[in-house]
Amino acid sequence: MSALPAELIDARIQSLGDWRGALLARLRGVILAADAGIVEEWKWNTPVWSCQGIVCTGESYKKAVKLTFAHGAALPDPARVFNASLDGKVRRAVDFAEEAVVDEDALTALVQAAVAFNRAGRVK
C-alpha cells in the first residue's frame, strides 16, 4: 500500500528538520485554509496543491522554501508577493528565505486567485 499525499508531505516536513520544515508546514496551512476545495498531491517528489488543476507546488532548497504557482503570470498580485521566476510566461514563484516575513493575507489572496483561475476553466 502506498502512502497518501498528505503522509508524504508530512514526511517531507519532518525530514527537513529545521526552519524550512516549519515554514513549509506554515505555508501548507495557509494554502489549505484558502479554499475548501484544495487537495494535496505528491508529484515529481514534491508537495502539490490542486483545485481543478495545479494551484502551486512547494519545494525546499538550502536557502529557501519556494512556492511555484502553475499559472502565476495570469494572476493578479497587487501585494507583489511573487519574487521569483518573474520573467516566465506562465509560472511565477515566491521564495521564502529563513527570516522571511509571510504576509498570510496576501498569500491567501494569491491562492484564491489561482483557484478561481482554475475553476474558470482557463487551465490549459
N, C-alpha and C. Protein backbone atom coordinates (compact mmCIF):
# COMPACT_ATOMS: atom_id res chain seq x y z
N MET A 1 0.85 -1.18 0.00
CA MET A 1 0.00 0.00 0.00
C MET A 1 0.89 1.25 0.00
N SER A 2 0.62 2.15 -0.92
CA SER A 2 1.44 3.36 -0.99
C SER A 2 0.92 4.43 -0.04
N ALA A 3 1.80 5.32 0.32
CA ALA A 3 1.46 6.39 1.25
C ALA A 3 0.55 7.42 0.57
N LEU A 4 -0.30 8.03 1.37
CA LEU A 4 -1.16 9.10 0.88
C LEU A 4 -0.33 10.37 0.70
N PRO A 5 -0.75 11.26 -0.21
CA PRO A 5 0.00 12.51 -0.41
C PRO A 5 0.22 13.28 0.89
N ALA A 6 -0.79 13.38 1.74
CA ALA A 6 -0.64 14.13 2.99
C ALA A 6 0.45 13.51 3.86
N GLU A 7 0.55 12.17 3.85
CA GLU A 7 1.59 11.49 4.63
C GLU A 7 2.97 11.77 4.06
N LEU A 8 3.07 11.82 2.75
CA LEU A 8 4.35 12.12 2.11
C LEU A 8 4.77 13.56 2.39
N ILE A 9 3.80 14.47 2.40
CA ILE A 9 4.12 15.86 2.71
C ILE A 9 4.53 15.98 4.17
N ASP A 10 3.81 15.30 5.06
CA ASP A 10 4.20 15.26 6.48
C ASP A 10 5.65 14.77 6.62
N ALA A 11 5.97 13.71 5.90
CA ALA A 11 7.31 13.13 5.97
C ALA A 11 8.36 14.11 5.45
N ARG A 12 8.05 14.84 4.38
CA ARG A 12 8.98 15.83 3.85
C ARG A 12 9.23 16.92 4.89
N ILE A 13 8.17 17.40 5.51
CA ILE A 13 8.30 18.45 6.53
C ILE A 13 9.18 17.94 7.67
N GLN A 14 8.92 16.73 8.13
CA GLN A 14 9.71 16.14 9.22
C GLN A 14 11.16 15.96 8.82
N SER A 15 11.39 15.54 7.58
CA SER A 15 12.77 15.26 7.14
C SER A 15 13.62 16.52 7.05
N LEU A 16 12.99 17.66 6.83
CA LEU A 16 13.75 18.91 6.73
C LEU A 16 14.35 19.28 8.09
N GLY A 17 13.58 19.09 9.15
CA GLY A 17 14.09 19.21 10.50
C GLY A 17 14.66 20.57 10.91
N ASP A 18 14.41 21.60 10.16
CA ASP A 18 14.91 22.92 10.53
C ASP A 18 13.85 23.96 10.18
N TRP A 19 14.26 25.20 10.01
CA TRP A 19 13.33 26.28 9.71
C TRP A 19 12.52 26.02 8.45
N ARG A 20 13.11 25.29 7.50
CA ARG A 20 12.41 25.02 6.24
C ARG A 20 11.18 24.14 6.47
N GLY A 21 11.31 23.15 7.34
CA GLY A 21 10.17 22.29 7.65
C GLY A 21 9.05 23.07 8.33
N ALA A 22 9.42 23.89 9.30
CA ALA A 22 8.43 24.71 10.00
C ALA A 22 7.74 25.68 9.04
N LEU A 23 8.53 26.28 8.15
CA LEU A 23 7.97 27.23 7.19
C LEU A 23 7.07 26.52 6.18
N LEU A 24 7.50 25.38 5.67
CA LEU A 24 6.68 24.64 4.72
C LEU A 24 5.36 24.23 5.38
N ALA A 25 5.40 23.83 6.64
CA ALA A 25 4.17 23.47 7.37
C ALA A 25 3.25 24.69 7.48
N ARG A 26 3.82 25.83 7.77
CA ARG A 26 3.03 27.06 7.90
C ARG A 26 2.40 27.44 6.56
N LEU A 27 3.18 27.39 5.49
CA LEU A 27 2.67 27.73 4.17
C LEU A 27 1.58 26.74 3.75
N ARG A 28 1.78 25.49 4.06
CA ARG A 28 0.79 24.45 3.77
C ARG A 28 -0.54 24.80 4.44
N GLY A 29 -0.48 25.22 5.69
CA GLY A 29 -1.69 25.60 6.41
C GLY A 29 -2.42 26.76 5.76
N VAL A 30 -1.67 27.76 5.32
CA VAL A 30 -2.27 28.92 4.64
C VAL A 30 -2.94 28.47 3.34
N ILE A 31 -2.25 27.63 2.58
CA ILE A 31 -2.78 27.15 1.29
C ILE A 31 -4.07 26.37 1.51
N LEU A 32 -4.05 25.42 2.44
CA LEU A 32 -5.23 24.58 2.68
C LEU A 32 -6.41 25.38 3.23
N ALA A 33 -6.13 26.41 4.02
CA ALA A 33 -7.20 27.22 4.59
C ALA A 33 -7.81 28.18 3.58
N ALA A 34 -7.14 28.42 2.47
CA ALA A 34 -7.59 29.40 1.49
C ALA A 34 -8.87 28.97 0.76
N ASP A 35 -9.06 27.65 0.60
CA ASP A 35 -10.24 27.16 -0.12
C ASP A 35 -10.47 25.70 0.25
N ALA A 36 -11.69 25.37 0.57
CA ALA A 36 -12.03 24.00 0.99
C ALA A 36 -11.84 22.97 -0.14
N GLY A 37 -11.78 23.42 -1.37
CA GLY A 37 -11.64 22.51 -2.50
C GLY A 37 -10.21 22.10 -2.81
N ILE A 38 -9.24 22.66 -2.12
CA ILE A 38 -7.84 22.34 -2.39
C ILE A 38 -7.51 20.95 -1.88
N VAL A 39 -6.85 20.18 -2.72
CA VAL A 39 -6.41 18.84 -2.35
C VAL A 39 -4.89 18.76 -2.44
N GLU A 40 -4.34 17.87 -1.63
CA GLU A 40 -2.89 17.67 -1.65
C GLU A 40 -2.56 16.50 -2.56
N GLU A 41 -1.48 16.68 -3.31
CA GLU A 41 -0.97 15.64 -4.19
C GLU A 41 0.54 15.54 -4.00
N TRP A 42 1.10 14.47 -4.52
CA TRP A 42 2.55 14.27 -4.47
C TRP A 42 2.99 13.94 -5.89
N LYS A 43 3.65 14.90 -6.54
CA LYS A 43 4.11 14.71 -7.92
C LYS A 43 5.56 15.17 -8.00
N TRP A 44 6.33 14.50 -8.81
CA TRP A 44 7.73 14.90 -9.03
C TRP A 44 8.51 14.95 -7.72
N ASN A 45 8.12 14.08 -6.77
CA ASN A 45 8.74 14.05 -5.44
C ASN A 45 8.61 15.39 -4.72
N THR A 46 7.46 16.04 -4.94
CA THR A 46 7.22 17.40 -4.46
C THR A 46 5.78 17.53 -3.98
N PRO A 47 5.56 18.28 -2.89
CA PRO A 47 4.18 18.60 -2.50
C PRO A 47 3.51 19.46 -3.56
N VAL A 48 2.26 19.11 -3.88
CA VAL A 48 1.48 19.84 -4.87
C VAL A 48 0.09 20.08 -4.29
N TRP A 49 -0.40 21.31 -4.44
CA TRP A 49 -1.76 21.63 -4.02
C TRP A 49 -2.56 21.98 -5.26
N SER A 50 -3.73 21.33 -5.39
CA SER A 50 -4.53 21.46 -6.60
C SER A 50 -6.00 21.74 -6.28
N CYS A 51 -6.65 22.34 -7.25
CA CYS A 51 -8.10 22.53 -7.23
C CYS A 51 -8.50 22.75 -8.68
N GLN A 52 -9.00 21.69 -9.31
CA GLN A 52 -9.33 21.72 -10.73
C GLN A 52 -8.11 22.10 -11.57
N GLY A 53 -6.97 21.66 -11.15
CA GLY A 53 -5.69 21.96 -11.78
C GLY A 53 -4.71 22.36 -10.69
N ILE A 54 -3.44 22.39 -11.02
CA ILE A 54 -2.42 22.72 -10.03
C ILE A 54 -2.55 24.18 -9.62
N VAL A 55 -2.55 24.40 -8.31
CA VAL A 55 -2.50 25.74 -7.75
C VAL A 55 -1.04 26.11 -7.58
N CYS A 56 -0.30 25.30 -6.78
CA CYS A 56 1.11 25.57 -6.59
C CYS A 56 1.83 24.33 -6.08
N THR A 57 3.14 24.38 -6.17
CA THR A 57 4.00 23.33 -5.63
C THR A 57 4.83 23.94 -4.51
N GLY A 58 5.34 23.09 -3.64
CA GLY A 58 6.16 23.56 -2.53
C GLY A 58 7.49 22.84 -2.50
N GLU A 59 8.53 23.53 -2.92
CA GLU A 59 9.86 22.93 -2.95
C GLU A 59 10.71 23.52 -1.82
N SER A 60 11.67 22.74 -1.38
CA SER A 60 12.58 23.23 -0.34
C SER A 60 14.01 23.15 -0.86
N TYR A 61 14.74 24.22 -0.65
CA TYR A 61 16.14 24.32 -1.04
C TYR A 61 16.96 24.71 0.17
N LYS A 62 18.24 24.72 0.04
CA LYS A 62 19.12 25.03 1.17
C LYS A 62 18.80 26.39 1.79
N LYS A 63 18.54 27.38 0.94
CA LYS A 63 18.36 28.74 1.45
C LYS A 63 16.96 29.29 1.28
N ALA A 64 16.01 28.46 0.83
CA ALA A 64 14.65 28.97 0.61
C ALA A 64 13.63 27.85 0.55
N VAL A 65 12.40 28.21 0.86
CA VAL A 65 11.24 27.38 0.55
C VAL A 65 10.53 28.13 -0.57
N LYS A 66 10.23 27.42 -1.65
CA LYS A 66 9.67 28.06 -2.85
C LYS A 66 8.27 27.53 -3.12
N LEU A 67 7.35 28.45 -3.30
CA LEU A 67 6.02 28.10 -3.80
C LEU A 67 5.97 28.55 -5.26
N THR A 68 5.73 27.60 -6.15
CA THR A 68 5.64 27.91 -7.57
C THR A 68 4.19 27.77 -8.00
N PHE A 69 3.62 28.85 -8.50
CA PHE A 69 2.23 28.85 -8.95
C PHE A 69 2.19 28.53 -10.44
N ALA A 70 1.44 27.50 -10.78
CA ALA A 70 1.42 26.97 -12.15
C ALA A 70 1.04 28.04 -13.18
N HIS A 71 0.11 28.89 -12.85
CA HIS A 71 -0.35 29.92 -13.78
C HIS A 71 -0.20 31.31 -13.17
N GLY A 72 0.87 31.48 -12.42
CA GLY A 72 1.10 32.72 -11.69
C GLY A 72 1.15 33.97 -12.55
N ALA A 73 1.64 33.84 -13.78
CA ALA A 73 1.74 35.03 -14.64
C ALA A 73 0.38 35.59 -14.99
N ALA A 74 -0.67 34.78 -14.88
CA ALA A 74 -2.02 35.23 -15.21
C ALA A 74 -2.79 35.74 -13.99
N LEU A 75 -2.16 35.70 -12.81
CA LEU A 75 -2.86 36.06 -11.58
C LEU A 75 -2.60 37.49 -11.16
N PRO A 76 -3.60 38.14 -10.58
CA PRO A 76 -3.36 39.47 -10.01
C PRO A 76 -2.48 39.32 -8.77
N ASP A 77 -1.54 40.22 -8.60
CA ASP A 77 -0.63 40.18 -7.44
C ASP A 77 -0.43 41.60 -6.93
N PRO A 78 -1.50 42.25 -6.45
CA PRO A 78 -1.38 43.63 -6.02
C PRO A 78 -0.42 43.82 -4.84
N ALA A 79 -0.25 42.81 -4.00
CA ALA A 79 0.66 42.91 -2.85
C ALA A 79 2.10 42.57 -3.24
N ARG A 80 2.30 42.23 -4.49
CA ARG A 80 3.63 41.88 -5.02
C ARG A 80 4.30 40.77 -4.21
N VAL A 81 3.54 39.69 -4.06
CA VAL A 81 4.05 38.52 -3.33
C VAL A 81 5.09 37.79 -4.18
N PHE A 82 4.85 37.69 -5.47
CA PHE A 82 5.79 36.99 -6.34
C PHE A 82 7.14 37.69 -6.32
N ASN A 83 8.22 36.92 -6.13
CA ASN A 83 9.56 37.49 -6.12
C ASN A 83 10.56 36.63 -6.88
N ALA A 84 10.07 35.61 -7.59
CA ALA A 84 10.96 34.72 -8.34
C ALA A 84 10.25 34.27 -9.63
N SER A 85 11.03 33.87 -10.60
CA SER A 85 10.51 33.42 -11.90
C SER A 85 9.62 34.50 -12.52
N LEU A 86 10.00 35.74 -12.34
CA LEU A 86 9.17 36.84 -12.81
C LEU A 86 9.18 37.02 -14.32
N ASP A 87 10.15 36.45 -14.99
CA ASP A 87 10.23 36.58 -16.44
C ASP A 87 9.51 35.45 -17.17
N GLY A 88 9.00 34.47 -16.42
CA GLY A 88 8.30 33.34 -17.05
C GLY A 88 7.00 33.77 -17.69
N LYS A 89 6.62 33.09 -18.75
CA LYS A 89 5.38 33.43 -19.45
C LYS A 89 4.16 32.81 -18.80
N VAL A 90 4.36 31.79 -17.94
CA VAL A 90 3.23 31.10 -17.33
C VAL A 90 3.36 31.06 -15.81
N ARG A 91 4.46 30.54 -15.32
CA ARG A 91 4.63 30.36 -13.87
C ARG A 91 5.18 31.61 -13.20
N ARG A 92 4.93 31.68 -11.90
CA ARG A 92 5.55 32.66 -11.02
C ARG A 92 5.81 31.95 -9.70
N ALA A 93 6.77 32.45 -8.95
CA ALA A 93 7.12 31.79 -7.69
C ALA A 93 7.36 32.81 -6.58
N VAL A 94 7.33 32.28 -5.37
CA VAL A 94 7.65 33.06 -4.18
C VAL A 94 8.74 32.30 -3.44
N ASP A 95 9.89 32.93 -3.26
CA ASP A 95 10.97 32.36 -2.46
C ASP A 95 10.90 32.94 -1.06
N PHE A 96 10.85 32.07 -0.08
CA PHE A 96 10.85 32.48 1.32
C PHE A 96 12.17 32.06 1.94
N ALA A 97 12.99 33.04 2.30
CA ALA A 97 14.26 32.76 2.98
C ALA A 97 13.97 32.52 4.47
N GLU A 98 15.00 32.18 5.20
CA GLU A 98 14.84 31.80 6.61
C GLU A 98 14.12 32.85 7.45
N GLU A 99 14.44 34.09 7.27
CA GLU A 99 13.85 35.15 8.09
C GLU A 99 12.72 35.89 7.38
N ALA A 100 12.20 35.32 6.32
CA ALA A 100 11.17 36.00 5.53
C ALA A 100 9.91 36.24 6.36
N VAL A 101 9.31 37.38 6.11
CA VAL A 101 8.01 37.70 6.69
C VAL A 101 6.96 37.17 5.72
N VAL A 102 6.03 36.37 6.25
CA VAL A 102 4.99 35.81 5.41
C VAL A 102 3.72 36.65 5.60
N ASP A 103 3.30 37.30 4.53
CA ASP A 103 2.04 38.04 4.55
C ASP A 103 0.94 37.03 4.24
N GLU A 104 0.36 36.44 5.29
CA GLU A 104 -0.61 35.36 5.10
C GLU A 104 -1.85 35.82 4.36
N ASP A 105 -2.29 37.06 4.58
CA ASP A 105 -3.46 37.56 3.86
C ASP A 105 -3.19 37.67 2.36
N ALA A 106 -2.03 38.19 2.01
CA ALA A 106 -1.68 38.33 0.59
C ALA A 106 -1.47 36.96 -0.05
N LEU A 107 -0.87 36.03 0.68
CA LEU A 107 -0.68 34.68 0.15
C LEU A 107 -2.03 34.00 -0.03
N THR A 108 -2.92 34.17 0.92
CA THR A 108 -4.27 33.60 0.80
C THR A 108 -4.96 34.15 -0.44
N ALA A 109 -4.86 35.45 -0.67
CA ALA A 109 -5.48 36.06 -1.85
C ALA A 109 -4.89 35.49 -3.13
N LEU A 110 -3.59 35.24 -3.14
CA LEU A 110 -2.95 34.67 -4.32
C LEU A 110 -3.43 33.24 -4.57
N VAL A 111 -3.52 32.45 -3.53
CA VAL A 111 -4.02 31.08 -3.66
C VAL A 111 -5.47 31.10 -4.15
N GLN A 112 -6.29 31.98 -3.59
CA GLN A 112 -7.68 32.07 -4.01
C GLN A 112 -7.79 32.52 -5.46
N ALA A 113 -6.91 33.39 -5.91
CA ALA A 113 -6.91 33.81 -7.31
C ALA A 113 -6.53 32.65 -8.22
N ALA A 114 -5.59 31.82 -7.78
CA ALA A 114 -5.19 30.64 -8.56
C ALA A 114 -6.33 29.64 -8.65
N VAL A 115 -7.04 29.44 -7.55
CA VAL A 115 -8.20 28.53 -7.56
C VAL A 115 -9.27 29.07 -8.49
N ALA A 116 -9.56 30.37 -8.42
CA ALA A 116 -10.56 30.98 -9.30
C ALA A 116 -10.16 30.84 -10.76
N PHE A 117 -8.88 31.01 -11.04
CA PHE A 117 -8.37 30.86 -12.41
C PHE A 117 -8.64 29.43 -12.90
N ASN A 118 -8.32 28.45 -12.06
CA ASN A 118 -8.54 27.05 -12.44
C ASN A 118 -10.03 26.76 -12.62
N ARG A 119 -10.84 27.23 -11.70
CA ARG A 119 -12.28 26.97 -11.77
C ARG A 119 -12.93 27.62 -13.00
N ALA A 120 -12.36 28.70 -13.46
CA ALA A 120 -12.89 29.39 -14.63
C ALA A 120 -12.57 28.64 -15.92
N GLY A 121 -11.83 27.54 -15.78
CA GLY A 121 -11.51 26.73 -16.94
C GLY A 121 -10.42 27.28 -17.81
N ARG A 122 -9.61 28.17 -17.25
CA ARG A 122 -8.54 28.78 -18.05
C ARG A 122 -7.28 27.95 -18.04
N VAL A 123 -7.30 26.82 -17.33
CA VAL A 123 -6.12 25.95 -17.30
C VAL A 123 -6.00 25.26 -18.64
N LYS A 124 -4.79 25.26 -19.18
CA LYS A 124 -4.56 24.63 -20.48
C LYS A 124 -4.03 23.25 -20.29
